[in-house]
Amino acid sequence: MTSNSRFIKSVLTAAKSDVPAMPWARGAHRKAFIARRSGAEVLKKTA
């Protein structure tokens, strides 16, 4: 089996699933970023 056919099979499998996994929607780095962003209140400077 060539790498091209494996790639196409994995793409078709992901497309047939209900919710394909997006790279930005998972992982510890993403969870830490969201927690940091939602936990800290940002004070904006006024001119």
C-alpha atoms as a PDB file:
ATOM      1  CA  MET A   1       0.000   0.000   0.000  1.00  0.00           C
ATOM      2  CA  THR A   2       1.509   3.305  -1.000  1.00  0.00           C
ATOM      3  CA  SER A   3       1.541   6.326   1.263  1.00  0.00           C
ATOM      4  CA  ASN A   4      -0.785   8.153  -1.132  1.00  0.00           C
ATOM      5  CA  SER A   5      -3.500   5.517  -0.824  1.00  0.00           C
ATOM      6  CA  ARG A   6      -3.109   5.464   2.981  1.00  0.00           C
ATOM      7  CA  PHE A   7      -3.501   9.244   3.029  1.00  0.00           C
ATOM      8  CA  ILE A   8      -6.648   9.122   0.909  1.00  0.00           C
ATOM      9  CA  LYS A   9      -8.140   6.397   3.097  1.00  0.00           C
ATOM     10  CA  SER A  10      -7.471   8.428   6.250  1.00  0.00           C
ATOM     11  CA  VAL A  11      -9.008  11.538   4.667  1.00  0.00           C
ATOM     12  CA  LEU A  12     -12.120   9.616   3.663  1.00  0.00           C
ATOM     13  CA  THR A  13     -12.443   8.100   7.132  1.00  0.00           C
ATOM     14  CA  ALA A  14     -12.161  11.523   8.758  1.00  0.00           C
ATOM     15  CA  ALA A  15     -14.683  13.019   6.338  1.00  0.00           C
ATOM     16  CA  LYS A  16     -17.217  10.280   7.065  1.00  0.00           C
ATOM     17  CA  SER A  17     -17.040  10.798  10.830  1.00  0.00           C
ATOM     18  CA  ASP A  18     -19.590  13.100  12.457  1.00  0.00           C
ATOM     19  CA  VAL A  19     -17.116  15.583  13.873  1.00  0.00           C
ATOM     20  CA  PRO A  20     -13.642  15.525  12.348  1.00  0.00           C
ATOM     21  CA  ALA A  21     -10.904  16.389  14.834  1.00  0.00           C
ATOM     22  CA  MET A  22      -9.476  19.828  14.161  1.00  0.00           C
ATOM     23  CA  PRO A  23      -5.875  20.488  15.179  1.00  0.00           C
ATOM     24  CA  TRP A  24      -6.754  23.663  17.058  1.00  0.00           C
ATOM     25  CA  ALA A  25      -9.574  22.091  19.039  1.00  0.00           C
ATOM     26  CA  ARG A  26      -7.602  19.649  21.157  1.00  0.00           C
ATOM     27  CA  GLY A  27      -4.492  19.275  23.259  1.00  0.00           C
ATOM     28  CA  ALA A  28      -3.064  20.462  26.548  1.00  0.00           C
ATOM     29  CA  HIS A  29      -1.590  23.606  25.020  1.00  0.00           C
ATOM     30  CA  ARG A  30      -5.035  24.673  23.792  1.00  0.00           C
ATOM     31  CA  LYS A  31      -6.643  24.018  27.184  1.00  0.00           C
ATOM     32  CA  ALA A  32      -3.959  26.049  28.943  1.00  0.00           C
ATOM     33  CA  PHE A  33      -4.418  28.901  26.485  1.00  0.00           C
ATOM     34  CA  ILE A  34      -8.186  28.969  27.004  1.00  0.00           C
ATOM     35  CA  ALA A  35      -7.834  28.844  30.797  1.00  0.00           C
ATOM     36  CA  ARG A  36      -5.300  31.664  30.758  1.00  0.00           C
ATOM     37  CA  ARG A  37      -7.442  33.767  28.433  1.00  0.00           C
ATOM     38  CA  SER A  38     -10.713  33.288  30.313  1.00  0.00           C
ATOM     39  CA  GLY A  39      -9.187  33.578  33.799  1.00  0.00           C
ATOM     40  CA  ALA A  40      -7.369  36.877  33.379  1.00  0.00           C
ATOM     41  CA  GLU A  41      -9.142  40.150  32.892  1.00  0.00           C
ATOM     42  CA  VAL A  42      -7.331  42.369  30.419  1.00  0.00           C
ATOM     43  CA  LEU A  43      -7.101  46.055  31.267  1.00  0.00           C
ATOM     44  CA  LYS A  44      -6.935  48.236  28.209  1.00  0.00           C
ATOM     45  CA  LYS A  45      -4.986  51.456  28.212  1.00  0.00           C
ATOM     46  CA  THR A  46      -6.858  54.647  27.495  1.00  0.00           C
ATOM     47  CA  ALA A  47      -5.337  57.475  25.528  1.00  0.00           C
END
